[in-house]
């Protein structure tokens, strides 16, 4: 799961959304230096990643990308799953994606001082390019993968993976549709929503 899914799954709490957003930049036990609810969001993010990595359905999705992209197959599937969440947003959420994205950016701006520097620098670009909303269209996915390819050394051309998404769109969408409800159930104890 990439940014959108992590944020959606923690949407009941602003602080947990912040924790989910910054989690990849908080290593080891450094989460203990954050407010309890932000720390809980960081741990929730890790639980989402662990559950996702252990899913047979997600492993099936990764197989479409393993030969060409190797270890980056998981990153690609995470981005594509965010695409399926965004493009089917009304199926999962009550408020429009545009409202959710605006809310998330506003929350992040108010918590900017507590974020790792990497996220402080990333947020203006994320907001300007409206990453969360743009996961819903293929051009947005292309831009996301292109941006990742610039930041990741020795990547195997991940900016071109959108072609495989198009080629396996129905199968990947089916995988996401089968997987996401199980993820929602898995994280329910973190958010007390189910």
N, C-alpha and C. Protein backbone atom coordinates (compact mmCIF):
# COMPACT_ATOMS: atom_id res chain seq x y z
N UNK A 1 0.84 -1.17 0.00
CA UNK A 1 0.00 0.00 0.00
C UNK A 1 0.89 1.24 0.00
N UNK A 2 0.51 2.19 -0.80
CA UNK A 2 1.25 3.45 -0.84
C UNK A 2 0.49 4.48 -0.01
N UNK A 3 0.80 5.75 -0.18
CA UNK A 3 0.27 6.79 0.70
C UNK A 3 -1.25 6.76 0.87
N UNK A 4 -1.98 6.66 -0.22
CA UNK A 4 -3.43 6.82 -0.14
C UNK A 4 -4.07 5.76 0.76
N UNK A 5 -3.72 4.52 0.58
CA UNK A 5 -4.32 3.46 1.39
C UNK A 5 -3.97 3.62 2.86
N UNK A 6 -2.72 3.93 3.16
CA UNK A 6 -2.32 4.13 4.55
C UNK A 6 -3.13 5.25 5.20
N UNK A 7 -3.31 6.32 4.47
CA UNK A 7 -4.05 7.46 5.02
C UNK A 7 -5.53 7.13 5.17
N UNK A 8 -6.08 6.48 4.17
CA UNK A 8 -7.50 6.10 4.23
C UNK A 8 -7.76 5.20 5.43
N UNK A 9 -6.90 4.24 5.66
CA UNK A 9 -7.10 3.28 6.74
C UNK A 9 -6.94 3.90 8.12
N UNK A 10 -6.31 5.06 8.21
CA UNK A 10 -6.11 5.74 9.50
C UNK A 10 -6.91 7.04 9.59
N UNK A 11 -7.88 7.21 8.74
CA UNK A 11 -8.60 8.48 8.58
C UNK A 11 -9.36 8.95 9.82
N UNK A 12 -9.61 8.07 10.78
CA UNK A 12 -10.38 8.46 11.96
C UNK A 12 -9.60 9.37 12.90
N UNK A 13 -8.28 9.45 12.72
CA UNK A 13 -7.45 10.24 13.63
C UNK A 13 -6.41 11.03 12.85
N UNK A 14 -6.39 12.34 13.04
CA UNK A 14 -5.40 13.18 12.37
C UNK A 14 -3.98 12.73 12.71
N UNK A 15 -3.74 12.48 13.99
CA UNK A 15 -2.39 12.09 14.42
C UNK A 15 -1.99 10.73 13.86
N UNK A 16 -2.94 9.80 13.79
CA UNK A 16 -2.61 8.50 13.20
C UNK A 16 -2.34 8.63 11.71
N UNK A 17 -3.03 9.55 11.04
CA UNK A 17 -2.74 9.81 9.63
C UNK A 17 -1.31 10.32 9.48
N UNK A 18 -0.91 11.24 10.36
CA UNK A 18 0.46 11.76 10.31
C UNK A 18 1.46 10.62 10.52
N UNK A 19 1.21 9.78 11.52
CA UNK A 19 2.10 8.65 11.77
C UNK A 19 2.19 7.71 10.59
N UNK A 20 1.07 7.40 9.97
CA UNK A 20 1.08 6.55 8.78
C UNK A 20 1.84 7.19 7.64
N UNK A 21 1.72 8.51 7.51
CA UNK A 21 2.38 9.23 6.43
C UNK A 21 3.90 9.22 6.59
N UNK A 22 4.40 9.42 7.79
CA UNK A 22 5.85 9.56 8.01
C UNK A 22 6.54 8.25 8.37
N UNK A 23 5.80 7.17 8.50
CA UNK A 23 6.33 5.93 9.06
C UNK A 23 7.58 5.41 8.36
N UNK A 24 7.64 5.48 7.04
CA UNK A 24 8.82 4.96 6.34
C UNK A 24 10.08 5.75 6.67
N UNK A 25 9.93 6.96 7.18
CA UNK A 25 11.07 7.79 7.55
C UNK A 25 11.43 7.70 9.02
N UNK A 26 10.74 6.85 9.77
CA UNK A 26 10.99 6.69 11.20
C UNK A 26 11.45 5.25 11.43
N UNK A 27 12.73 5.09 11.68
CA UNK A 27 13.31 3.75 11.77
C UNK A 27 13.34 3.24 13.21
N UNK A 28 13.29 1.93 13.34
CA UNK A 28 13.45 1.29 14.64
C UNK A 28 12.49 1.82 15.69
N UNK A 29 13.06 2.11 16.86
CA UNK A 29 12.26 2.58 17.98
C UNK A 29 12.16 4.09 18.05
N UNK A 30 12.56 4.78 17.02
CA UNK A 30 12.46 6.24 17.02
C UNK A 30 11.02 6.72 17.10
N UNK A 31 10.07 5.84 16.81
CA UNK A 31 8.66 6.21 16.93
C UNK A 31 8.32 6.61 18.37
N UNK A 32 9.10 6.13 19.34
CA UNK A 32 8.85 6.44 20.75
C UNK A 32 9.02 7.92 21.06
N UNK A 33 9.69 8.65 20.18
CA UNK A 33 9.88 10.08 20.37
C UNK A 33 8.71 10.93 19.92
N UNK A 34 7.67 10.31 19.41
CA UNK A 34 6.50 11.02 18.90
C UNK A 34 5.34 10.92 19.89
N UNK A 35 4.38 11.82 19.73
CA UNK A 35 3.12 11.75 20.48
C UNK A 35 2.57 10.33 20.35
N UNK A 36 1.92 9.84 21.41
CA UNK A 36 1.44 8.45 21.44
C UNK A 36 0.60 8.07 20.21
N UNK A 37 -0.28 8.96 19.80
CA UNK A 37 -1.17 8.62 18.68
C UNK A 37 -0.42 8.65 17.34
N UNK A 38 0.56 9.54 17.20
CA UNK A 38 1.41 9.52 15.99
C UNK A 38 2.22 8.23 15.98
N UNK A 39 2.77 7.86 17.14
CA UNK A 39 3.52 6.60 17.25
C UNK A 39 2.63 5.41 16.89
N UNK A 40 1.40 5.46 17.33
CA UNK A 40 0.45 4.38 16.99
C UNK A 40 0.23 4.33 15.47
N UNK A 41 0.16 5.48 14.83
CA UNK A 41 0.04 5.52 13.37
C UNK A 41 1.25 4.91 12.68
N UNK A 42 2.44 5.18 13.23
CA UNK A 42 3.67 4.59 12.68
C UNK A 42 3.62 3.07 12.80
N UNK A 43 3.22 2.59 13.96
CA UNK A 43 3.13 1.14 14.16
C UNK A 43 2.03 0.52 13.31
N UNK A 44 0.94 1.25 13.13
CA UNK A 44 -0.13 0.76 12.25
C UNK A 44 0.38 0.62 10.82
N UNK A 45 1.15 1.60 10.36
CA UNK A 45 1.74 1.55 9.02
C UNK A 45 2.58 0.28 8.88
N UNK A 46 3.40 0.00 9.88
CA UNK A 46 4.23 -1.20 9.83
C UNK A 46 3.38 -2.47 9.81
N UNK A 47 2.28 -2.47 10.56
CA UNK A 47 1.38 -3.63 10.57
C UNK A 47 0.72 -3.82 9.20
N UNK A 48 0.35 -2.71 8.56
CA UNK A 48 -0.22 -2.78 7.21
C UNK A 48 0.80 -3.37 6.24
N UNK A 49 2.04 -2.89 6.31
CA UNK A 49 3.09 -3.39 5.42
C UNK A 49 3.34 -4.88 5.64
N UNK A 50 3.41 -5.30 6.89
CA UNK A 50 3.66 -6.71 7.20
C UNK A 50 2.52 -7.59 6.68
N UNK A 51 1.29 -7.16 6.92
CA UNK A 51 0.13 -7.91 6.45
C UNK A 51 0.11 -7.98 4.92
N UNK A 52 0.41 -6.86 4.29
CA UNK A 52 0.43 -6.80 2.83
C UNK A 52 1.50 -7.72 2.26
N UNK A 53 2.70 -7.67 2.85
CA UNK A 53 3.80 -8.50 2.37
C UNK A 53 3.52 -9.99 2.53
N UNK A 54 2.68 -10.35 3.49
CA UNK A 54 2.40 -11.77 3.73
C UNK A 54 1.17 -12.28 2.97
N UNK A 55 0.50 -11.41 2.24
CA UNK A 55 -0.73 -11.79 1.54
C UNK A 55 -0.45 -12.57 0.26
N UNK A 56 -1.11 -13.70 0.13
CA UNK A 56 -1.00 -14.51 -1.09
C UNK A 56 -1.56 -13.74 -2.30
N UNK A 57 -2.61 -12.97 -2.09
CA UNK A 57 -3.20 -12.19 -3.18
C UNK A 57 -2.21 -11.16 -3.69
N UNK A 58 -1.55 -10.46 -2.77
CA UNK A 58 -0.56 -9.45 -3.16
C UNK A 58 0.62 -10.12 -3.85
N UNK A 59 1.05 -11.27 -3.34
CA UNK A 59 2.14 -12.00 -4.01
C UNK A 59 1.75 -12.35 -5.44
N UNK A 60 0.50 -12.70 -5.65
CA UNK A 60 0.01 -12.98 -7.00
C UNK A 60 0.16 -11.74 -7.88
N UNK A 61 -0.21 -10.58 -7.36
CA UNK A 61 -0.07 -9.34 -8.13
C UNK A 61 1.39 -9.05 -8.47
N UNK A 62 2.28 -9.32 -7.54
CA UNK A 62 3.71 -9.03 -7.76
C UNK A 62 4.29 -9.88 -8.88
N UNK A 63 3.71 -11.05 -9.12
CA UNK A 63 4.26 -11.95 -10.14
C UNK A 63 4.27 -11.32 -11.53
N UNK A 64 3.35 -10.39 -11.78
CA UNK A 64 3.32 -9.73 -13.08
C UNK A 64 4.54 -8.84 -13.30
N UNK A 65 5.24 -8.49 -12.23
CA UNK A 65 6.33 -7.51 -12.31
C UNK A 65 7.69 -8.05 -11.88
N UNK A 66 7.71 -9.25 -11.29
CA UNK A 66 8.95 -9.79 -10.72
C UNK A 66 10.07 -9.92 -11.74
N UNK A 67 9.78 -10.48 -12.91
CA UNK A 67 10.85 -10.73 -13.89
C UNK A 67 11.53 -9.45 -14.33
N UNK A 68 10.74 -8.43 -14.60
CA UNK A 68 11.31 -7.19 -15.14
C UNK A 68 11.81 -6.25 -14.05
N UNK A 69 11.13 -6.23 -12.90
CA UNK A 69 11.42 -5.21 -11.88
C UNK A 69 11.98 -5.77 -10.58
N UNK A 70 12.08 -7.08 -10.46
CA UNK A 70 12.70 -7.70 -9.30
C UNK A 70 12.09 -7.25 -7.98
N UNK A 71 12.94 -6.80 -7.07
CA UNK A 71 12.51 -6.40 -5.74
C UNK A 71 11.58 -5.19 -5.75
N UNK A 72 11.54 -4.46 -6.84
CA UNK A 72 10.67 -3.29 -6.94
C UNK A 72 9.22 -3.66 -7.28
N UNK A 73 8.97 -4.94 -7.51
CA UNK A 73 7.60 -5.38 -7.82
C UNK A 73 6.63 -4.97 -6.72
N UNK A 74 7.06 -5.08 -5.47
CA UNK A 74 6.20 -4.71 -4.35
C UNK A 74 5.86 -3.23 -4.33
N UNK A 75 6.84 -2.40 -4.63
CA UNK A 75 6.62 -0.95 -4.68
C UNK A 75 5.61 -0.63 -5.78
N UNK A 76 5.77 -1.27 -6.91
CA UNK A 76 4.87 -1.03 -8.04
C UNK A 76 3.45 -1.46 -7.69
N UNK A 77 3.30 -2.62 -7.09
CA UNK A 77 1.96 -3.09 -6.71
C UNK A 77 1.34 -2.14 -5.68
N UNK A 78 2.14 -1.65 -4.74
CA UNK A 78 1.62 -0.68 -3.77
C UNK A 78 1.01 0.54 -4.47
N UNK A 79 1.72 1.06 -5.45
CA UNK A 79 1.23 2.24 -6.19
C UNK A 79 -0.03 1.87 -6.97
N UNK A 80 -0.03 0.72 -7.62
CA UNK A 80 -1.20 0.32 -8.40
C UNK A 80 -2.41 0.07 -7.50
N UNK A 81 -2.19 -0.49 -6.33
CA UNK A 81 -3.31 -0.68 -5.41
C UNK A 81 -3.88 0.66 -4.97
N UNK A 82 -3.03 1.66 -4.77
CA UNK A 82 -3.55 3.00 -4.48
C UNK A 82 -4.38 3.52 -5.66
N UNK A 83 -3.96 3.19 -6.87
CA UNK A 83 -4.74 3.57 -8.05
C UNK A 83 -6.14 2.96 -7.98
N UNK A 84 -6.21 1.69 -7.65
CA UNK A 84 -7.52 1.03 -7.60
C UNK A 84 -8.38 1.59 -6.46
N UNK A 85 -7.76 1.93 -5.34
CA UNK A 85 -8.52 2.57 -4.27
C UNK A 85 -9.06 3.92 -4.73
N UNK A 86 -8.20 4.73 -5.36
CA UNK A 86 -8.62 6.06 -5.81
C UNK A 86 -9.69 5.98 -6.90
N UNK A 87 -9.51 5.08 -7.85
CA UNK A 87 -10.44 5.01 -8.98
C UNK A 87 -11.78 4.37 -8.60
N UNK A 88 -11.82 3.72 -7.43
CA UNK A 88 -13.06 3.13 -6.92
C UNK A 88 -13.42 3.73 -5.56
N UNK A 89 -13.00 4.96 -5.34
CA UNK A 89 -13.09 5.62 -4.03
C UNK A 89 -14.50 5.56 -3.45
N UNK A 90 -15.51 5.82 -4.25
CA UNK A 90 -16.88 5.87 -3.75
C UNK A 90 -17.36 4.53 -3.19
N UNK A 91 -16.71 3.47 -3.59
CA UNK A 91 -17.05 2.14 -3.07
C UNK A 91 -16.59 1.98 -1.62
N UNK A 92 -15.54 2.71 -1.23
CA UNK A 92 -14.93 2.54 0.09
C UNK A 92 -15.16 3.70 1.04
N UNK A 93 -15.37 4.89 0.50
CA UNK A 93 -15.40 6.09 1.34
C UNK A 93 -16.73 6.82 1.22
N UNK A 94 -17.04 7.58 2.25
CA UNK A 94 -18.27 8.38 2.24
C UNK A 94 -18.06 9.74 1.60
N UNK A 95 -16.93 10.38 1.89
CA UNK A 95 -16.63 11.71 1.35
C UNK A 95 -15.86 11.58 0.04
N UNK A 96 -15.98 12.54 -0.85
CA UNK A 96 -15.24 12.50 -2.12
C UNK A 96 -13.72 12.52 -1.89
N UNK A 97 -13.00 11.93 -2.81
CA UNK A 97 -11.54 11.88 -2.72
C UNK A 97 -10.94 13.28 -2.67
N UNK A 98 -11.52 14.22 -3.40
CA UNK A 98 -11.01 15.59 -3.39
C UNK A 98 -11.03 16.17 -1.98
N UNK A 99 -12.11 15.93 -1.25
CA UNK A 99 -12.21 16.41 0.14
C UNK A 99 -11.21 15.70 1.04
N UNK A 100 -11.08 14.40 0.85
CA UNK A 100 -10.14 13.63 1.67
C UNK A 100 -8.72 14.13 1.45
N UNK A 101 -8.34 14.34 0.19
CA UNK A 101 -6.99 14.81 -0.12
C UNK A 101 -6.74 16.18 0.51
N UNK A 102 -7.69 17.10 0.37
CA UNK A 102 -7.54 18.44 0.95
C UNK A 102 -7.40 18.35 2.47
N UNK A 103 -8.19 17.49 3.08
CA UNK A 103 -8.09 17.30 4.54
C UNK A 103 -6.71 16.78 4.92
N UNK A 104 -6.23 15.78 4.20
CA UNK A 104 -4.91 15.20 4.51
C UNK A 104 -3.81 16.25 4.39
N UNK A 105 -3.80 17.02 3.31
CA UNK A 105 -2.77 18.04 3.13
C UNK A 105 -2.83 19.08 4.25
N UNK A 106 -4.03 19.46 4.66
CA UNK A 106 -4.19 20.42 5.75
C UNK A 106 -3.65 19.86 7.07
N UNK A 107 -3.95 18.61 7.34
CA UNK A 107 -3.43 17.96 8.56
C UNK A 107 -1.91 17.95 8.53
N UNK A 108 -1.34 17.54 7.40
CA UNK A 108 0.12 17.45 7.32
C UNK A 108 0.78 18.80 7.50
N UNK A 109 0.18 19.83 6.92
CA UNK A 109 0.75 21.17 7.09
C UNK A 109 0.74 21.59 8.56
N UNK A 110 -0.29 21.23 9.29
CA UNK A 110 -0.34 21.62 10.70
C UNK A 110 0.63 20.82 11.57
N UNK A 111 1.07 19.66 11.10
CA UNK A 111 2.03 18.84 11.84
C UNK A 111 3.43 18.87 11.22
N UNK A 112 3.64 19.75 10.29
CA UNK A 112 4.93 19.82 9.58
C UNK A 112 6.13 19.89 10.53
N UNK A 113 6.09 20.68 11.60
CA UNK A 113 7.27 20.77 12.47
C UNK A 113 7.71 19.45 13.11
N UNK A 114 6.81 18.49 13.28
CA UNK A 114 7.19 17.24 13.92
C UNK A 114 7.60 16.17 12.91
N UNK A 115 7.46 16.47 11.63
CA UNK A 115 7.78 15.48 10.59
C UNK A 115 9.27 15.42 10.32
N UNK A 116 9.77 14.23 9.95
CA UNK A 116 11.15 14.14 9.48
C UNK A 116 11.37 15.10 8.31
N UNK A 117 12.59 15.60 8.17
CA UNK A 117 12.91 16.61 7.17
C UNK A 117 12.51 16.16 5.77
N UNK A 118 12.72 14.91 5.46
CA UNK A 118 12.36 14.38 4.14
C UNK A 118 10.89 14.67 3.80
N UNK A 119 10.01 14.52 4.78
CA UNK A 119 8.58 14.73 4.56
C UNK A 119 8.24 16.22 4.54
N UNK A 120 8.98 17.00 5.30
CA UNK A 120 8.80 18.45 5.25
C UNK A 120 9.10 18.97 3.85
N UNK A 121 10.13 18.41 3.22
CA UNK A 121 10.49 18.82 1.86
C UNK A 121 9.54 18.25 0.81
N UNK A 122 9.04 17.06 1.05
CA UNK A 122 8.18 16.39 0.08
C UNK A 122 6.77 16.98 0.03
N UNK A 123 6.26 17.41 1.18
CA UNK A 123 4.86 17.81 1.26
C UNK A 123 4.45 18.90 0.27
N UNK A 124 5.24 19.97 0.08
CA UNK A 124 4.80 20.99 -0.88
C UNK A 124 4.62 20.43 -2.30
N UNK A 125 5.50 19.51 -2.71
CA UNK A 125 5.38 18.89 -4.03
C UNK A 125 4.16 17.98 -4.09
N UNK A 126 3.97 17.23 -3.02
CA UNK A 126 2.83 16.32 -2.95
C UNK A 126 1.52 17.08 -3.08
N UNK A 127 1.44 18.20 -2.37
CA UNK A 127 0.22 19.00 -2.40
C UNK A 127 0.05 19.69 -3.75
N UNK A 128 1.13 20.27 -4.26
CA UNK A 128 1.06 20.99 -5.54
C UNK A 128 0.62 20.07 -6.67
N UNK A 129 1.18 18.87 -6.70
CA UNK A 129 0.86 17.89 -7.74
C UNK A 129 -0.38 17.05 -7.39
N UNK A 130 -0.90 17.25 -6.19
CA UNK A 130 -2.08 16.54 -5.70
C UNK A 130 -1.96 15.03 -5.91
N UNK A 131 -0.90 14.47 -5.34
CA UNK A 131 -0.63 13.05 -5.51
C UNK A 131 -1.83 12.19 -5.15
N UNK A 132 -2.47 12.48 -4.04
CA UNK A 132 -3.55 11.61 -3.56
C UNK A 132 -4.69 11.53 -4.57
N UNK A 133 -5.07 12.65 -5.12
CA UNK A 133 -6.14 12.66 -6.12
C UNK A 133 -5.68 12.01 -7.42
N UNK A 134 -4.44 12.26 -7.79
CA UNK A 134 -3.94 11.79 -9.09
C UNK A 134 -3.62 10.30 -9.14
N UNK A 135 -3.67 9.61 -8.00
CA UNK A 135 -3.55 8.16 -8.05
C UNK A 135 -4.71 7.56 -8.85
N UNK A 136 -5.79 8.28 -9.00
CA UNK A 136 -6.97 7.76 -9.66
C UNK A 136 -6.89 7.69 -11.17
N UNK A 137 -5.86 8.30 -11.77
CA UNK A 137 -5.76 8.24 -13.24
C UNK A 137 -4.38 7.73 -13.65
N UNK A 138 -4.30 7.18 -14.85
CA UNK A 138 -3.06 6.55 -15.30
C UNK A 138 -1.93 7.56 -15.47
N UNK A 139 -2.23 8.78 -15.89
CA UNK A 139 -1.18 9.79 -15.98
C UNK A 139 -0.59 10.08 -14.61
N UNK A 140 -1.44 10.12 -13.59
CA UNK A 140 -0.96 10.32 -12.23
C UNK A 140 -0.06 9.18 -11.78
N UNK A 141 -0.41 7.96 -12.15
CA UNK A 141 0.42 6.80 -11.81
C UNK A 141 1.76 6.89 -12.53
N UNK A 142 1.73 7.28 -13.80
CA UNK A 142 2.99 7.45 -14.54
C UNK A 142 3.89 8.47 -13.86
N UNK A 143 3.30 9.60 -13.46
CA UNK A 143 4.09 10.65 -12.79
C UNK A 143 4.64 10.14 -11.45
N UNK A 144 3.83 9.40 -10.72
CA UNK A 144 4.29 8.85 -9.44
C UNK A 144 5.48 7.93 -9.65
N UNK A 145 5.38 7.01 -10.60
CA UNK A 145 6.47 6.07 -10.85
C UNK A 145 7.70 6.78 -11.40
N UNK A 146 7.49 7.80 -12.22
CA UNK A 146 8.62 8.57 -12.74
C UNK A 146 9.33 9.30 -11.59
N UNK A 147 8.56 9.89 -10.69
CA UNK A 147 9.15 10.55 -9.53
C UNK A 147 9.93 9.59 -8.66
N UNK A 148 9.38 8.40 -8.45
CA UNK A 148 10.09 7.39 -7.67
C UNK A 148 11.39 6.98 -8.36
N UNK A 149 11.34 6.86 -9.67
CA UNK A 149 12.53 6.43 -10.41
C UNK A 149 13.66 7.44 -10.28
N UNK A 150 13.33 8.71 -10.11
CA UNK A 150 14.36 9.74 -9.92
C UNK A 150 14.98 9.67 -8.53
N UNK A 151 14.21 9.18 -7.56
CA UNK A 151 14.69 9.14 -6.17
C UNK A 151 15.35 7.81 -5.80
N UNK A 152 15.12 6.77 -6.59
CA UNK A 152 15.64 5.44 -6.25
C UNK A 152 16.83 5.12 -7.15
N UNK A 153 18.02 4.95 -6.55
CA UNK A 153 19.17 4.58 -7.38
C UNK A 153 19.05 3.13 -7.88
N UNK A 154 19.57 2.90 -9.05
CA UNK A 154 19.63 1.55 -9.63
C UNK A 154 18.27 0.87 -9.77
N UNK A 155 17.25 1.64 -10.04
CA UNK A 155 15.93 1.04 -10.26
C UNK A 155 15.89 0.45 -11.67
N UNK A 156 15.12 -0.59 -11.87
CA UNK A 156 15.05 -1.25 -13.19
C UNK A 156 13.99 -0.65 -14.11
N UNK A 157 13.94 0.66 -14.24
CA UNK A 157 12.98 1.29 -15.15
C UNK A 157 11.55 1.28 -14.67
N UNK A 158 11.36 1.47 -13.37
CA UNK A 158 9.99 1.38 -12.83
C UNK A 158 9.04 2.41 -13.41
N UNK A 159 9.59 3.47 -13.98
CA UNK A 159 8.71 4.49 -14.57
C UNK A 159 7.91 3.94 -15.75
N UNK A 160 8.31 2.78 -16.27
CA UNK A 160 7.62 2.17 -17.40
C UNK A 160 6.57 1.13 -16.99
N UNK A 161 6.41 0.92 -15.70
CA UNK A 161 5.53 -0.16 -15.22
C UNK A 161 4.06 0.08 -15.51
N UNK A 162 3.68 1.31 -15.83
CA UNK A 162 2.27 1.57 -16.13
C UNK A 162 1.81 0.75 -17.33
N UNK A 163 2.73 0.45 -18.25
CA UNK A 163 2.37 -0.38 -19.40
C UNK A 163 1.89 -1.76 -18.94
N UNK A 164 2.58 -2.33 -17.94
CA UNK A 164 2.15 -3.62 -17.40
C UNK A 164 0.82 -3.50 -16.66
N UNK A 165 0.61 -2.38 -15.99
CA UNK A 165 -0.68 -2.16 -15.33
C UNK A 165 -1.80 -2.24 -16.36
N UNK A 166 -1.61 -1.57 -17.47
CA UNK A 166 -2.63 -1.59 -18.52
C UNK A 166 -2.83 -3.01 -19.04
N UNK A 167 -1.73 -3.73 -19.23
CA UNK A 167 -1.80 -5.09 -19.76
C UNK A 167 -2.45 -6.10 -18.82
N UNK A 168 -2.38 -5.84 -17.52
CA UNK A 168 -2.93 -6.77 -16.53
C UNK A 168 -3.98 -6.09 -15.65
N UNK A 169 -4.60 -5.06 -16.19
CA UNK A 169 -5.48 -4.21 -15.39
C UNK A 169 -6.59 -4.99 -14.69
N UNK A 170 -7.29 -5.81 -15.44
CA UNK A 170 -8.43 -6.53 -14.85
C UNK A 170 -7.99 -7.50 -13.77
N UNK A 171 -6.88 -8.22 -14.01
CA UNK A 171 -6.39 -9.17 -13.02
C UNK A 171 -5.94 -8.45 -11.75
N UNK A 172 -5.21 -7.34 -11.91
CA UNK A 172 -4.73 -6.58 -10.75
C UNK A 172 -5.89 -5.94 -9.99
N UNK A 173 -6.87 -5.45 -10.73
CA UNK A 173 -8.05 -4.87 -10.08
C UNK A 173 -8.78 -5.94 -9.27
N UNK A 174 -8.90 -7.12 -9.84
CA UNK A 174 -9.54 -8.23 -9.12
C UNK A 174 -8.76 -8.58 -7.86
N UNK A 175 -7.43 -8.63 -7.96
CA UNK A 175 -6.60 -8.91 -6.78
C UNK A 175 -6.86 -7.85 -5.70
N UNK A 176 -6.84 -6.59 -6.09
CA UNK A 176 -7.07 -5.52 -5.12
C UNK A 176 -8.45 -5.65 -4.48
N UNK A 177 -9.46 -5.90 -5.29
CA UNK A 177 -10.83 -6.00 -4.79
C UNK A 177 -10.99 -7.15 -3.79
N UNK A 178 -10.25 -8.22 -4.01
CA UNK A 178 -10.29 -9.35 -3.07
C UNK A 178 -9.46 -9.07 -1.82
N UNK A 179 -8.36 -8.32 -1.98
CA UNK A 179 -7.43 -8.10 -0.87
C UNK A 179 -7.87 -7.00 0.10
N UNK A 180 -8.34 -5.89 -0.42
CA UNK A 180 -8.54 -4.71 0.41
C UNK A 180 -9.50 -4.92 1.58
N UNK A 181 -10.62 -5.62 1.41
CA UNK A 181 -11.49 -5.86 2.57
C UNK A 181 -10.78 -6.62 3.70
N UNK A 182 -9.91 -7.55 3.35
CA UNK A 182 -9.18 -8.28 4.39
C UNK A 182 -8.21 -7.34 5.12
N UNK A 183 -7.63 -6.40 4.40
CA UNK A 183 -6.76 -5.42 5.04
C UNK A 183 -7.57 -4.50 5.97
N UNK A 184 -8.73 -4.06 5.50
CA UNK A 184 -9.59 -3.23 6.36
C UNK A 184 -9.94 -3.97 7.65
N UNK A 185 -10.26 -5.24 7.55
CA UNK A 185 -10.57 -6.03 8.75
C UNK A 185 -9.35 -6.18 9.65
N UNK A 186 -8.19 -6.35 9.03
CA UNK A 186 -6.96 -6.52 9.81
C UNK A 186 -6.63 -5.28 10.63
N UNK A 187 -6.86 -4.11 10.07
CA UNK A 187 -6.49 -2.87 10.78
C UNK A 187 -7.62 -2.33 11.66
N UNK A 188 -8.79 -2.93 11.61
CA UNK A 188 -9.91 -2.43 12.41
C UNK A 188 -9.56 -2.26 13.89
N UNK A 189 -8.83 -3.19 14.52
CA UNK A 189 -8.49 -2.97 15.93
C UNK A 189 -7.62 -1.72 16.17
N UNK A 190 -6.89 -1.30 15.17
CA UNK A 190 -6.05 -0.11 15.31
C UNK A 190 -6.90 1.15 15.35
N UNK A 191 -8.05 1.10 14.71
CA UNK A 191 -8.86 2.32 14.57
C UNK A 191 -10.20 2.23 15.29
N UNK A 192 -10.54 1.04 15.78
CA UNK A 192 -11.81 0.83 16.48
C UNK A 192 -13.01 1.25 15.64
N UNK A 193 -12.97 0.95 14.32
CA UNK A 193 -14.06 1.35 13.44
C UNK A 193 -14.97 0.20 13.05
N UNK A 194 -14.60 -1.02 13.34
CA UNK A 194 -15.44 -2.17 12.93
C UNK A 194 -15.79 -2.99 14.13
